[in-house]
Amino acid sequence: ISLGILMLVVAVVLFFLYRKAPEIDRALSTPTVEALPEATNARTLTISGEAQDGERVMLFVNDQVVEDNLRVEDGEFSYEYEIEDEGEYRVQAALVEGFPIRLRSEKSDVAQVLADWTAPSSDVQLVYEREVHARAFSITGVIEPGATVVLLEGDKKYVAQAGEEGAFEIRDIPLVEGENSFEVELRDSAGNVTRLDQDVLVASNGDLNGNGASDLPEASG
C-alpha cells in the first residue's frame, strides 16, 4: 500500500471518528446558557452562555444538535440561531473536547422561549359610556387572553392586561371637559402590536357636582 493511500485511509478513519456523536463524560463541567425572554417576535435568536473550563461547546435546540463545535472565547460563547417557525424552542449546551474521539459534558439546564410572530386579534369587545357627567371614565372588555390593552392619549397611556378569559378593566381614566379621544393598542408578550382602527371617544360634561373637581389617577408616560 502506498503512503498516499495509507494517509487517505487514516484521514477517513479520523474523520468518521470525529463525526461520531460524542459520548457523555460526567467529569466534564457543564456550561450555562443565559436566560431567554418568555417570548419573542424576532426571526433570529441569540444563544449565549458561559463555559469556563473548555474551548468548544455543542448547542441543542429542541434536543437536536444545531452546532457541534462552537468556539468559546474568554469563557463565553454566542451563536445566532435562525428561527424557522413559530412555537416553543428549548435551548441547551454541552462542553465538548477530544480528537478524534470526542467526549461531551451533560447538557445544561434548559433556556426556553416562545417564537410568536402573530399580532393580537383585533376582534375585541370594548364596553364604556360614550358620554359621562364626570372627569373620569372606566372601560372594560374582552381581548385576546394574556394580551395587554393600552389606551393612548398624547404621551399618556393607560394599561391593563387581560386574564385567562380575556377580560380586562381600566378604571378612573382622566378626562377633560368636551370630547376625549384615545387610540387603542393591543400588545402581546412577544412584542407584537395591533392598533385598532376605531378610537375610543368619550364626551365629558364635567363632574356630578358641576364644579369640575375630581381626584384622578396619574397617567403613566
N, C-alpha and C. Protein backbone atom coordinates (compact mmCIF):
# COMPACT_ATOMS: atom_id res chain seq x y z
N ILE A 1 0.85 -1.18 0.00
CA ILE A 1 0.00 0.00 0.00
C ILE A 1 0.89 1.23 0.00
N SER A 2 0.61 2.14 -0.90
CA SER A 2 1.42 3.35 -0.96
C SER A 2 1.14 4.24 0.23
N LEU A 3 2.09 5.13 0.49
CA LEU A 3 1.95 6.06 1.62
C LEU A 3 0.75 6.96 1.43
N GLY A 4 0.50 7.37 0.19
CA GLY A 4 -0.64 8.25 -0.08
C GLY A 4 -1.96 7.60 0.27
N ILE A 5 -2.12 6.32 -0.16
CA ILE A 5 -3.36 5.60 0.14
C ILE A 5 -3.51 5.40 1.64
N LEU A 6 -2.40 5.07 2.32
CA LEU A 6 -2.44 4.86 3.77
C LEU A 6 -2.86 6.13 4.49
N MET A 7 -2.33 7.25 4.05
CA MET A 7 -2.70 8.53 4.68
C MET A 7 -4.16 8.85 4.44
N LEU A 8 -4.65 8.50 3.24
CA LEU A 8 -6.06 8.73 2.93
C LEU A 8 -6.96 7.88 3.83
N VAL A 9 -6.57 6.61 4.01
CA VAL A 9 -7.36 5.72 4.87
C VAL A 9 -7.38 6.25 6.30
N VAL A 10 -6.23 6.67 6.79
CA VAL A 10 -6.15 7.22 8.15
C VAL A 10 -7.03 8.46 8.27
N ALA A 11 -6.99 9.32 7.25
CA ALA A 11 -7.79 10.54 7.28
C ALA A 11 -9.28 10.23 7.32
N VAL A 12 -9.68 9.24 6.53
CA VAL A 12 -11.10 8.86 6.52
C VAL A 12 -11.52 8.30 7.87
N VAL A 13 -10.67 7.45 8.47
CA VAL A 13 -10.98 6.88 9.78
C VAL A 13 -11.10 7.98 10.83
N LEU A 14 -10.14 8.90 10.83
CA LEU A 14 -10.17 10.02 11.78
C LEU A 14 -11.42 10.87 11.59
N PHE A 15 -11.82 11.08 10.33
CA PHE A 15 -13.00 11.90 10.04
C PHE A 15 -14.24 11.25 10.64
N PHE A 16 -14.40 9.94 10.42
CA PHE A 16 -15.60 9.28 10.91
C PHE A 16 -15.60 9.18 12.44
N LEU A 17 -14.42 9.00 13.02
CA LEU A 17 -14.35 9.00 14.48
C LEU A 17 -14.73 10.36 15.04
N TYR A 18 -14.28 11.42 14.37
CA TYR A 18 -14.56 12.78 14.83
C TYR A 18 -16.04 13.12 14.68
N ARG A 19 -16.65 12.63 13.61
CA ARG A 19 -18.05 12.95 13.35
C ARG A 19 -19.01 12.10 14.17
N LYS A 20 -18.50 11.08 14.78
CA LYS A 20 -19.34 10.23 15.63
C LYS A 20 -19.87 11.05 16.81
N ALA A 21 -21.12 10.78 17.18
CA ALA A 21 -21.72 11.51 18.31
C ALA A 21 -20.88 11.32 19.57
N PRO A 22 -20.50 12.41 20.25
CA PRO A 22 -19.65 12.29 21.44
C PRO A 22 -20.33 11.51 22.56
N GLU A 23 -19.54 10.75 23.28
CA GLU A 23 -20.06 10.07 24.46
C GLU A 23 -20.05 11.03 25.65
N ILE A 24 -20.93 10.79 26.60
CA ILE A 24 -21.05 11.67 27.76
C ILE A 24 -19.97 11.35 28.78
N ASP A 25 -19.27 12.36 29.20
CA ASP A 25 -18.27 12.24 30.28
C ASP A 25 -18.73 13.14 31.41
N ARG A 26 -19.25 12.54 32.47
CA ARG A 26 -19.81 13.33 33.57
C ARG A 26 -18.75 14.07 34.37
N ALA A 27 -17.49 13.79 34.10
CA ALA A 27 -16.42 14.52 34.77
C ALA A 27 -16.22 15.91 34.18
N LEU A 28 -16.73 16.13 32.96
CA LEU A 28 -16.60 17.44 32.33
C LEU A 28 -17.62 18.41 32.94
N SER A 29 -17.20 19.65 33.11
CA SER A 29 -18.11 20.65 33.67
C SER A 29 -19.20 20.99 32.65
N THR A 30 -20.36 21.38 33.16
CA THR A 30 -21.49 21.70 32.30
C THR A 30 -21.57 23.21 32.09
N PRO A 31 -21.66 23.67 30.85
CA PRO A 31 -21.79 25.11 30.61
C PRO A 31 -23.16 25.62 31.02
N THR A 32 -23.32 26.92 31.00
CA THR A 32 -24.62 27.53 31.30
C THR A 32 -25.09 28.34 30.10
N VAL A 33 -26.38 28.35 29.89
CA VAL A 33 -27.00 29.15 28.83
C VAL A 33 -27.76 30.29 29.49
N GLU A 34 -27.55 31.50 28.98
CA GLU A 34 -28.24 32.65 29.55
C GLU A 34 -29.75 32.52 29.33
N ALA A 35 -30.50 33.05 30.30
CA ALA A 35 -31.96 33.00 30.21
C ALA A 35 -32.45 33.74 28.97
N LEU A 36 -33.49 33.22 28.36
CA LEU A 36 -34.10 33.82 27.19
C LEU A 36 -35.40 34.51 27.58
N PRO A 37 -35.88 35.45 26.77
CA PRO A 37 -37.16 36.08 27.10
C PRO A 37 -38.28 35.06 27.04
N GLU A 38 -39.36 35.35 27.71
CA GLU A 38 -40.51 34.44 27.70
C GLU A 38 -41.02 34.23 26.27
N ALA A 39 -41.03 35.31 25.50
CA ALA A 39 -41.49 35.23 24.12
C ALA A 39 -40.75 36.26 23.27
N THR A 40 -40.71 36.02 21.95
CA THR A 40 -40.04 36.95 21.05
C THR A 40 -40.73 36.92 19.70
N ASN A 41 -40.70 38.08 19.01
CA ASN A 41 -41.18 38.12 17.63
C ASN A 41 -40.03 38.24 16.65
N ALA A 42 -38.81 38.03 17.13
CA ALA A 42 -37.62 38.09 16.27
C ALA A 42 -37.54 36.84 15.41
N ARG A 43 -36.81 36.94 14.30
CA ARG A 43 -36.58 35.79 13.42
C ARG A 43 -35.23 35.15 13.68
N THR A 44 -34.41 35.81 14.51
CA THR A 44 -33.10 35.28 14.88
C THR A 44 -32.99 35.29 16.40
N LEU A 45 -32.51 34.19 16.97
CA LEU A 45 -32.37 34.05 18.41
C LEU A 45 -30.89 34.02 18.77
N THR A 46 -30.48 34.93 19.64
CA THR A 46 -29.10 34.93 20.11
C THR A 46 -28.97 34.00 21.32
N ILE A 47 -28.18 32.95 21.14
CA ILE A 47 -27.92 31.99 22.22
C ILE A 47 -26.53 32.29 22.76
N SER A 48 -26.44 32.59 24.03
CA SER A 48 -25.15 32.90 24.63
C SER A 48 -25.06 32.24 26.00
N GLY A 49 -23.82 32.13 26.49
CA GLY A 49 -23.63 31.50 27.79
C GLY A 49 -22.18 31.48 28.18
N GLU A 50 -21.89 30.68 29.20
CA GLU A 50 -20.53 30.59 29.73
C GLU A 50 -20.08 29.14 29.79
N ALA A 51 -18.79 28.95 29.50
CA ALA A 51 -18.15 27.63 29.61
C ALA A 51 -16.71 27.89 30.06
N GLN A 52 -16.51 27.96 31.35
CA GLN A 52 -15.23 28.40 31.90
C GLN A 52 -14.12 27.37 31.74
N ASP A 53 -14.47 26.09 31.59
CA ASP A 53 -13.45 25.05 31.61
C ASP A 53 -13.23 24.37 30.27
N GLY A 54 -13.61 25.01 29.17
CA GLY A 54 -13.42 24.37 27.88
C GLY A 54 -13.25 25.38 26.76
N GLU A 55 -12.95 24.86 25.57
CA GLU A 55 -12.74 25.71 24.40
C GLU A 55 -13.82 25.55 23.35
N ARG A 56 -14.66 24.51 23.46
CA ARG A 56 -15.70 24.28 22.47
C ARG A 56 -16.98 23.80 23.17
N VAL A 57 -18.12 24.17 22.57
CA VAL A 57 -19.40 23.68 23.08
C VAL A 57 -20.26 23.18 21.93
N MET A 58 -21.19 22.31 22.28
CA MET A 58 -22.25 21.89 21.37
C MET A 58 -23.53 22.60 21.79
N LEU A 59 -24.36 22.94 20.81
CA LEU A 59 -25.64 23.57 21.10
C LEU A 59 -26.78 22.68 20.60
N PHE A 60 -27.83 22.59 21.43
CA PHE A 60 -29.00 21.80 21.10
C PHE A 60 -30.23 22.71 21.13
N VAL A 61 -31.08 22.57 20.13
CA VAL A 61 -32.36 23.25 20.11
C VAL A 61 -33.44 22.19 19.93
N ASN A 62 -34.33 22.10 20.90
CA ASN A 62 -35.35 21.06 20.92
C ASN A 62 -34.73 19.68 20.75
N ASP A 63 -33.62 19.48 21.46
CA ASP A 63 -32.89 18.19 21.54
C ASP A 63 -32.17 17.81 20.24
N GLN A 64 -32.14 18.73 19.28
CA GLN A 64 -31.40 18.48 18.04
C GLN A 64 -30.13 19.33 18.02
N VAL A 65 -29.00 18.73 17.59
CA VAL A 65 -27.73 19.46 17.52
C VAL A 65 -27.81 20.48 16.39
N VAL A 66 -27.58 21.76 16.73
CA VAL A 66 -27.56 22.81 15.71
C VAL A 66 -26.14 23.34 15.49
N GLU A 67 -25.25 23.07 16.42
CA GLU A 67 -23.84 23.45 16.29
C GLU A 67 -23.03 22.51 17.18
N ASP A 68 -22.03 21.82 16.59
CA ASP A 68 -21.30 20.82 17.38
C ASP A 68 -19.86 21.21 17.68
N ASN A 69 -19.48 22.44 17.30
CA ASN A 69 -18.08 22.81 17.51
C ASN A 69 -17.94 24.33 17.64
N LEU A 70 -18.73 24.91 18.53
CA LEU A 70 -18.74 26.36 18.69
C LEU A 70 -17.60 26.79 19.61
N ARG A 71 -16.84 27.75 19.15
CA ARG A 71 -15.67 28.21 19.89
C ARG A 71 -16.07 29.02 21.13
N VAL A 72 -15.37 28.77 22.22
CA VAL A 72 -15.52 29.53 23.46
C VAL A 72 -14.37 30.52 23.56
N GLU A 73 -14.69 31.78 23.78
CA GLU A 73 -13.67 32.81 23.91
C GLU A 73 -13.82 33.52 25.24
N ASP A 74 -12.73 33.51 26.01
CA ASP A 74 -12.73 34.13 27.35
C ASP A 74 -13.86 33.60 28.21
N GLY A 75 -14.13 32.31 28.08
CA GLY A 75 -15.14 31.67 28.91
C GLY A 75 -16.57 31.90 28.46
N GLU A 76 -16.77 32.55 27.31
CA GLU A 76 -18.12 32.85 26.85
C GLU A 76 -18.32 32.38 25.40
N PHE A 77 -19.56 32.12 25.05
CA PHE A 77 -19.89 31.74 23.68
C PHE A 77 -21.18 32.44 23.25
N SER A 78 -21.34 32.58 21.95
CA SER A 78 -22.53 33.22 21.40
C SER A 78 -22.81 32.64 20.03
N TYR A 79 -24.10 32.50 19.71
CA TYR A 79 -24.49 31.87 18.45
C TYR A 79 -25.82 32.47 18.00
N GLU A 80 -25.93 32.76 16.70
CA GLU A 80 -27.17 33.28 16.12
C GLU A 80 -27.94 32.13 15.48
N TYR A 81 -29.11 31.85 16.02
CA TYR A 81 -29.93 30.75 15.54
C TYR A 81 -31.11 31.30 14.75
N GLU A 82 -31.27 30.82 13.52
CA GLU A 82 -32.37 31.27 12.67
C GLU A 82 -33.64 30.51 13.03
N ILE A 83 -34.67 31.24 13.43
CA ILE A 83 -35.94 30.63 13.80
C ILE A 83 -36.75 30.38 12.53
N GLU A 84 -37.19 29.15 12.35
CA GLU A 84 -37.90 28.80 11.13
C GLU A 84 -39.41 28.93 11.26
N ASP A 85 -39.95 28.64 12.42
CA ASP A 85 -41.40 28.64 12.61
C ASP A 85 -41.75 29.16 13.99
N GLU A 86 -43.01 29.52 14.16
CA GLU A 86 -43.50 29.87 15.49
C GLU A 86 -43.54 28.62 16.36
N GLY A 87 -43.44 28.83 17.67
CA GLY A 87 -43.52 27.70 18.59
C GLY A 87 -42.51 27.81 19.71
N GLU A 88 -42.46 26.77 20.55
CA GLU A 88 -41.55 26.73 21.68
C GLU A 88 -40.17 26.24 21.22
N TYR A 89 -39.14 26.90 21.75
CA TYR A 89 -37.76 26.49 21.47
C TYR A 89 -37.02 26.30 22.79
N ARG A 90 -36.45 25.09 22.96
CA ARG A 90 -35.73 24.71 24.16
C ARG A 90 -34.24 24.62 23.82
N VAL A 91 -33.44 25.41 24.50
CA VAL A 91 -32.01 25.54 24.17
C VAL A 91 -31.16 24.96 25.30
N GLN A 92 -30.14 24.17 24.92
CA GLN A 92 -29.18 23.62 25.88
C GLN A 92 -27.78 23.63 25.26
N ALA A 93 -26.78 23.53 26.11
CA ALA A 93 -25.40 23.49 25.65
C ALA A 93 -24.65 22.39 26.40
N ALA A 94 -23.57 21.90 25.78
CA ALA A 94 -22.71 20.91 26.42
C ALA A 94 -21.27 21.20 26.02
N LEU A 95 -20.37 21.05 26.98
CA LEU A 95 -18.95 21.19 26.70
C LEU A 95 -18.49 19.98 25.88
N VAL A 96 -17.61 20.20 24.88
CA VAL A 96 -17.13 19.10 24.06
C VAL A 96 -15.61 19.22 23.90
N GLU A 97 -14.93 18.07 23.95
CA GLU A 97 -13.47 18.08 23.80
C GLU A 97 -13.01 16.73 23.27
N GLY A 98 -11.75 16.70 22.82
CA GLY A 98 -11.14 15.45 22.35
C GLY A 98 -11.05 15.37 20.83
N PHE A 99 -10.01 14.67 20.37
CA PHE A 99 -9.83 14.40 18.94
C PHE A 99 -8.96 13.15 18.78
N PRO A 100 -9.34 12.22 17.93
CA PRO A 100 -10.53 12.24 17.08
C PRO A 100 -11.80 11.77 17.80
N ILE A 101 -11.64 11.05 18.92
CA ILE A 101 -12.81 10.61 19.68
C ILE A 101 -13.21 11.73 20.63
N ARG A 102 -14.43 12.19 20.49
CA ARG A 102 -14.87 13.33 21.28
C ARG A 102 -15.74 12.89 22.45
N LEU A 103 -15.66 13.67 23.50
CA LEU A 103 -16.48 13.49 24.68
C LEU A 103 -17.23 14.79 24.94
N ARG A 104 -18.40 14.67 25.57
CA ARG A 104 -19.13 15.87 25.92
C ARG A 104 -19.65 15.79 27.35
N SER A 105 -19.92 16.95 27.91
CA SER A 105 -20.50 17.01 29.24
C SER A 105 -21.99 16.71 29.16
N GLU A 106 -22.63 16.65 30.30
CA GLU A 106 -24.08 16.59 30.31
C GLU A 106 -24.64 17.92 29.82
N LYS A 107 -25.85 17.90 29.34
CA LYS A 107 -26.47 19.11 28.83
C LYS A 107 -26.76 20.09 29.97
N SER A 108 -26.73 21.35 29.62
CA SER A 108 -27.05 22.40 30.58
C SER A 108 -28.55 22.41 30.89
N ASP A 109 -28.92 23.21 31.87
CA ASP A 109 -30.34 23.46 32.11
C ASP A 109 -30.95 24.10 30.87
N VAL A 110 -32.25 23.94 30.72
CA VAL A 110 -32.94 24.43 29.53
C VAL A 110 -33.22 25.92 29.65
N ALA A 111 -32.95 26.64 28.56
CA ALA A 111 -33.42 28.01 28.39
C ALA A 111 -34.52 27.95 27.33
N GLN A 112 -35.67 28.50 27.63
CA GLN A 112 -36.83 28.30 26.76
C GLN A 112 -37.42 29.63 26.32
N VAL A 113 -37.91 29.66 25.08
CA VAL A 113 -38.53 30.87 24.55
C VAL A 113 -39.64 30.47 23.58
N LEU A 114 -40.68 31.30 23.51
CA LEU A 114 -41.77 31.10 22.56
C LEU A 114 -41.57 32.06 21.40
N ALA A 115 -41.48 31.54 20.18
CA ALA A 115 -41.42 32.37 18.98
C ALA A 115 -42.86 32.65 18.53
N ASP A 116 -43.23 33.92 18.53
CA ASP A 116 -44.61 34.32 18.23
C ASP A 116 -44.55 35.51 17.28
N TRP A 117 -45.00 35.32 16.05
CA TRP A 117 -44.98 36.39 15.06
C TRP A 117 -46.40 36.92 14.77
N THR A 118 -47.38 36.43 15.48
CA THR A 118 -48.77 36.78 15.21
C THR A 118 -49.25 37.86 16.17
N ALA A 119 -49.67 38.99 15.61
CA ALA A 119 -50.16 40.10 16.44
C ALA A 119 -51.51 39.73 17.07
N PRO A 120 -51.84 40.34 18.21
CA PRO A 120 -53.14 40.05 18.85
C PRO A 120 -54.30 40.33 17.91
N SER A 121 -55.35 39.55 18.06
CA SER A 121 -56.52 39.69 17.22
C SER A 121 -57.20 41.03 17.47
N SER A 122 -57.71 41.64 16.38
CA SER A 122 -58.45 42.89 16.51
C SER A 122 -59.93 42.66 16.79
N ASP A 123 -60.31 41.40 16.91
CA ASP A 123 -61.70 41.05 17.23
C ASP A 123 -61.89 41.19 18.74
N VAL A 124 -62.33 42.36 19.17
CA VAL A 124 -62.40 42.68 20.59
C VAL A 124 -63.78 43.21 20.95
N GLN A 125 -64.06 43.21 22.24
CA GLN A 125 -65.27 43.84 22.77
C GLN A 125 -64.83 44.92 23.76
N LEU A 126 -65.25 46.15 23.51
CA LEU A 126 -64.95 47.26 24.39
C LEU A 126 -66.27 47.83 24.92
N VAL A 127 -66.35 47.98 26.23
CA VAL A 127 -67.58 48.46 26.86
C VAL A 127 -67.26 49.70 27.68
N TYR A 128 -67.88 50.84 27.31
CA TYR A 128 -67.68 52.09 28.04
C TYR A 128 -68.81 53.05 27.67
N GLU A 129 -68.99 54.07 28.48
CA GLU A 129 -70.01 55.08 28.20
C GLU A 129 -69.44 56.14 27.28
N ARG A 130 -70.17 56.44 26.23
CA ARG A 130 -69.71 57.44 25.26
C ARG A 130 -69.85 58.87 25.77
N GLU A 131 -70.71 59.05 26.76
CA GLU A 131 -70.90 60.38 27.34
C GLU A 131 -71.05 60.23 28.86
N VAL A 132 -70.28 60.99 29.60
CA VAL A 132 -70.29 60.90 31.06
C VAL A 132 -70.38 62.30 31.66
N HIS A 133 -70.99 62.36 32.85
CA HIS A 133 -71.05 63.61 33.60
C HIS A 133 -70.01 63.54 34.71
N ALA A 134 -68.78 63.37 34.31
CA ALA A 134 -67.68 63.23 35.27
C ALA A 134 -66.37 63.55 34.54
N ARG A 135 -65.31 63.63 35.30
CA ARG A 135 -63.99 63.90 34.72
C ARG A 135 -63.13 62.65 34.66
N ALA A 136 -63.78 61.50 34.67
CA ALA A 136 -63.08 60.23 34.51
C ALA A 136 -64.07 59.19 34.03
N PHE A 137 -63.55 58.15 33.39
CA PHE A 137 -64.42 57.05 32.95
C PHE A 137 -63.66 55.74 33.09
N SER A 138 -64.40 54.67 32.96
CA SER A 138 -63.82 53.33 33.02
C SER A 138 -64.18 52.56 31.75
N ILE A 139 -63.33 51.62 31.41
CA ILE A 139 -63.58 50.79 30.23
C ILE A 139 -63.30 49.33 30.59
N THR A 140 -64.16 48.45 30.13
CA THR A 140 -63.96 47.02 30.30
C THR A 140 -64.08 46.37 28.93
N GLY A 141 -63.80 45.08 28.89
CA GLY A 141 -63.95 44.40 27.61
C GLY A 141 -63.29 43.05 27.59
N VAL A 142 -63.25 42.48 26.41
CA VAL A 142 -62.65 41.16 26.21
C VAL A 142 -61.73 41.26 25.00
N ILE A 143 -60.46 40.87 25.20
CA ILE A 143 -59.47 40.83 24.13
C ILE A 143 -58.81 39.45 24.16
N GLU A 144 -57.77 39.28 23.38
CA GLU A 144 -57.05 38.01 23.37
C GLU A 144 -56.49 37.71 24.76
N PRO A 145 -56.74 36.51 25.31
CA PRO A 145 -56.23 36.19 26.65
C PRO A 145 -54.73 36.42 26.78
N GLY A 146 -54.34 37.08 27.88
CA GLY A 146 -52.94 37.34 28.14
C GLY A 146 -52.39 38.57 27.46
N ALA A 147 -53.13 39.15 26.52
CA ALA A 147 -52.66 40.35 25.83
C ALA A 147 -52.83 41.57 26.73
N THR A 148 -52.16 42.65 26.34
CA THR A 148 -52.24 43.91 27.07
C THR A 148 -52.95 44.94 26.21
N VAL A 149 -53.89 45.66 26.81
CA VAL A 149 -54.57 46.74 26.11
C VAL A 149 -54.00 48.06 26.60
N VAL A 150 -53.73 48.96 25.67
CA VAL A 150 -53.15 50.26 26.00
C VAL A 150 -54.00 51.35 25.37
N LEU A 151 -54.51 52.27 26.19
CA LEU A 151 -55.19 53.45 25.70
C LEU A 151 -54.18 54.60 25.67
N LEU A 152 -54.05 55.23 24.50
CA LEU A 152 -53.05 56.27 24.31
C LEU A 152 -53.73 57.61 24.06
N GLU A 153 -53.29 58.61 24.83
CA GLU A 153 -53.77 59.97 24.66
C GLU A 153 -52.55 60.89 24.71
N GLY A 154 -52.04 61.26 23.55
CA GLY A 154 -50.80 62.02 23.51
C GLY A 154 -49.67 61.18 24.07
N ASP A 155 -48.96 61.73 25.08
CA ASP A 155 -47.87 60.98 25.69
C ASP A 155 -48.32 60.22 26.94
N LYS A 156 -49.62 60.16 27.18
CA LYS A 156 -50.15 59.43 28.33
C LYS A 156 -50.69 58.08 27.87
N LYS A 157 -50.58 57.11 28.75
CA LYS A 157 -51.10 55.79 28.42
C LYS A 157 -51.70 55.14 29.65
N TYR A 158 -52.74 54.33 29.40
CA TYR A 158 -53.47 53.64 30.46
C TYR A 158 -53.52 52.17 30.06
N VAL A 159 -53.07 51.30 30.97
CA VAL A 159 -52.72 49.93 30.59
C VAL A 159 -53.42 48.92 31.49
N ALA A 160 -53.81 47.80 30.87
CA ALA A 160 -54.32 46.66 31.64
C ALA A 160 -54.00 45.38 30.87
N GLN A 161 -53.79 44.31 31.61
CA GLN A 161 -53.53 43.01 30.99
C GLN A 161 -54.75 42.12 31.15
N ALA A 162 -55.11 41.45 30.07
CA ALA A 162 -56.26 40.55 30.10
C ALA A 162 -55.92 39.28 30.85
N GLY A 163 -56.92 38.72 31.50
CA GLY A 163 -56.76 37.47 32.22
C GLY A 163 -56.90 36.26 31.30
N GLU A 164 -57.05 35.11 31.90
CA GLU A 164 -57.11 33.86 31.15
C GLU A 164 -58.31 33.79 30.22
N GLU A 165 -59.39 34.50 30.59
CA GLU A 165 -60.58 34.51 29.74
C GLU A 165 -60.61 35.72 28.81
N GLY A 166 -59.58 36.57 28.89
CA GLY A 166 -59.51 37.73 28.01
C GLY A 166 -60.13 38.99 28.57
N ALA A 167 -60.71 38.92 29.77
CA ALA A 167 -61.38 40.09 30.35
C ALA A 167 -60.35 41.08 30.91
N PHE A 168 -60.66 42.37 30.78
CA PHE A 168 -59.80 43.41 31.34
C PHE A 168 -60.66 44.57 31.83
N GLU A 169 -60.05 45.44 32.63
CA GLU A 169 -60.72 46.65 33.10
C GLU A 169 -59.68 47.72 33.38
N ILE A 170 -59.97 48.93 32.92
CA ILE A 170 -59.17 50.10 33.28
C ILE A 170 -60.12 51.10 33.90
N ARG A 171 -59.83 51.51 35.12
CA ARG A 171 -60.74 52.40 35.84
C ARG A 171 -60.14 53.79 35.98
N ASP A 172 -61.04 54.78 36.17
CA ASP A 172 -60.66 56.16 36.52
C ASP A 172 -59.67 56.76 35.53
N ILE A 173 -59.99 56.68 34.25
CA ILE A 173 -59.17 57.30 33.22
C ILE A 173 -59.54 58.78 33.15
N PRO A 174 -58.61 59.69 33.34
CA PRO A 174 -58.94 61.12 33.40
C PRO A 174 -59.48 61.65 32.07
N LEU A 175 -60.40 62.60 32.20
CA LEU A 175 -60.98 63.26 31.04
C LEU A 175 -60.89 64.77 31.20
N VAL A 176 -60.87 65.47 30.09
CA VAL A 176 -61.06 66.91 30.10
C VAL A 176 -62.49 67.18 29.62
N GLU A 177 -62.99 68.33 29.92
CA GLU A 177 -64.34 68.64 29.50
C GLU A 177 -64.40 68.71 27.98
N GLY A 178 -65.43 68.12 27.43
CA GLY A 178 -65.59 68.07 25.99
C GLY A 178 -65.25 66.69 25.44
N GLU A 179 -64.84 66.65 24.20
CA GLU A 179 -64.56 65.38 23.52
C GLU A 179 -63.16 64.87 23.86
N ASN A 180 -63.04 63.59 24.19
CA ASN A 180 -61.76 62.95 24.50
C ASN A 180 -61.57 61.76 23.57
N SER A 181 -60.38 61.66 23.00
CA SER A 181 -60.10 60.59 22.04
C SER A 181 -58.89 59.79 22.50
N PHE A 182 -59.01 58.47 22.47
CA PHE A 182 -57.94 57.57 22.89
C PHE A 182 -57.68 56.54 21.78
N GLU A 183 -56.44 56.45 21.34
CA GLU A 183 -56.08 55.36 20.44
C GLU A 183 -55.96 54.08 21.26
N VAL A 184 -56.20 52.94 20.62
CA VAL A 184 -56.19 51.65 21.33
C VAL A 184 -55.19 50.72 20.67
N GLU A 185 -54.25 50.24 21.47
CA GLU A 185 -53.28 49.24 21.02
C GLU A 185 -53.44 47.96 21.82
N LEU A 186 -53.22 46.84 21.14
CA LEU A 186 -53.18 45.52 21.78
C LEU A 186 -51.78 44.98 21.60
N ARG A 187 -51.17 44.56 22.69
CA ARG A 187 -49.78 44.09 22.65
C ARG A 187 -49.70 42.71 23.30
N ASP A 188 -48.77 41.89 22.80
CA ASP A 188 -48.53 40.60 23.44
C ASP A 188 -47.11 40.55 24.00
N SER A 189 -46.81 39.48 24.72
CA SER A 189 -45.52 39.40 25.42
C SER A 189 -44.34 39.28 24.47
N ALA A 190 -44.60 38.93 23.20
CA ALA A 190 -43.52 38.81 22.22
C ALA A 190 -43.16 40.14 21.59
N GLY A 191 -43.98 41.16 21.81
CA GLY A 191 -43.72 42.47 21.23
C GLY A 191 -44.56 42.79 20.00
N ASN A 192 -45.48 41.90 19.63
CA ASN A 192 -46.38 42.17 18.51
C ASN A 192 -47.44 43.18 18.92
N VAL A 193 -47.82 44.06 18.01
CA VAL A 193 -48.76 45.13 18.31
C VAL A 193 -49.84 45.20 17.24
N THR A 194 -51.09 45.36 17.69
CA THR A 194 -52.22 45.64 16.82
C THR A 194 -52.84 46.96 17.25
N ARG A 195 -52.98 47.88 16.33
CA ARG A 195 -53.66 49.14 16.63
C ARG A 195 -55.06 49.08 16.04
N LEU A 196 -56.07 49.32 16.87
CA LEU A 196 -57.45 49.25 16.40
C LEU A 196 -57.75 50.44 15.49
N ASP A 197 -58.58 50.19 14.47
CA ASP A 197 -58.93 51.23 13.52
C ASP A 197 -59.77 52.33 14.17
N GLN A 198 -60.60 51.95 15.13
CA GLN A 198 -61.52 52.91 15.74
C GLN A 198 -61.02 53.32 17.12
N ASP A 199 -60.95 54.63 17.34
CA ASP A 199 -60.54 55.15 18.64
C ASP A 199 -61.68 55.05 19.64
N VAL A 200 -61.34 55.13 20.92
CA VAL A 200 -62.33 55.26 21.99
C VAL A 200 -62.63 56.74 22.16
N LEU A 201 -63.89 57.12 21.96
CA LEU A 201 -64.32 58.52 22.05
C LEU A 201 -65.28 58.68 23.22
N VAL A 202 -64.95 59.60 24.12
CA VAL A 202 -65.78 59.84 25.30
C VAL A 202 -65.97 61.34 25.45
N ALA A 203 -67.22 61.76 25.59
CA ALA A 203 -67.54 63.16 25.85
C ALA A 203 -67.77 63.35 27.34
N SER A 204 -67.11 64.37 27.92
CA SER A 204 -67.26 64.67 29.35
C SER A 204 -67.97 66.01 29.51
N ASN A 205 -69.01 65.99 30.36
CA ASN A 205 -69.75 67.21 30.66
C ASN A 205 -69.47 67.69 32.08
N GLY A 206 -68.29 67.38 32.62
CA GLY A 206 -67.95 67.79 33.97
C GLY A 206 -68.34 66.74 34.99
N ASP A 207 -68.08 67.03 36.28
CA ASP A 207 -68.38 66.02 37.30
C ASP A 207 -69.83 66.14 37.75
N LEU A 208 -70.24 65.20 38.61
CA LEU A 208 -71.63 65.13 39.03
C LEU A 208 -72.06 66.34 39.82
N ASN A 209 -71.13 67.01 40.49
CA ASN A 209 -71.47 68.16 41.31
C ASN A 209 -71.40 69.46 40.52
N GLY A 210 -70.92 69.37 39.26
CA GLY A 210 -70.89 70.54 38.43
C GLY A 210 -69.75 71.48 38.70
N ASN A 211 -68.80 71.09 39.54
CA ASN A 211 -67.71 72.01 39.85
C ASN A 211 -66.40 71.63 39.18
N GLY A 212 -66.41 70.53 38.44
CA GLY A 212 -65.22 70.15 37.70
C GLY A 212 -64.11 69.59 38.54
N ALA A 213 -64.30 69.45 39.85
CA ALA A 213 -63.23 68.94 40.70
C ALA A 213 -63.32 67.43 40.81
N SER A 214 -62.18 66.75 40.79
CA SER A 214 -62.14 65.29 40.93
C SER A 214 -60.76 64.86 41.32
N ASP A 215 -60.68 63.72 41.97
CA ASP A 215 -59.40 63.10 42.31
C ASP A 215 -59.10 62.06 41.25
N LEU A 216 -58.08 62.30 40.41
CA LEU A 216 -57.81 61.45 39.27
C LEU A 216 -56.48 60.76 39.42
N PRO A 217 -56.34 59.55 38.88
CA PRO A 217 -55.05 58.86 38.94
C PRO A 217 -54.07 59.48 37.98
N GLU A 218 -52.81 59.38 38.30
CA GLU A 218 -51.78 59.90 37.41
C GLU A 218 -51.50 58.91 36.28
N ALA A 219 -51.43 59.43 35.09
CA ALA A 219 -51.17 58.56 33.92
C ALA A 219 -49.73 58.20 33.87
N SER A 220 -49.43 57.03 33.29
CA SER A 220 -48.04 56.65 33.05
C SER A 220 -47.62 57.20 31.71
N GLY A 221 -46.37 57.67 31.63
CA GLY A 221 -45.90 58.26 30.38
C GLY A 221 -44.87 57.41 29.71
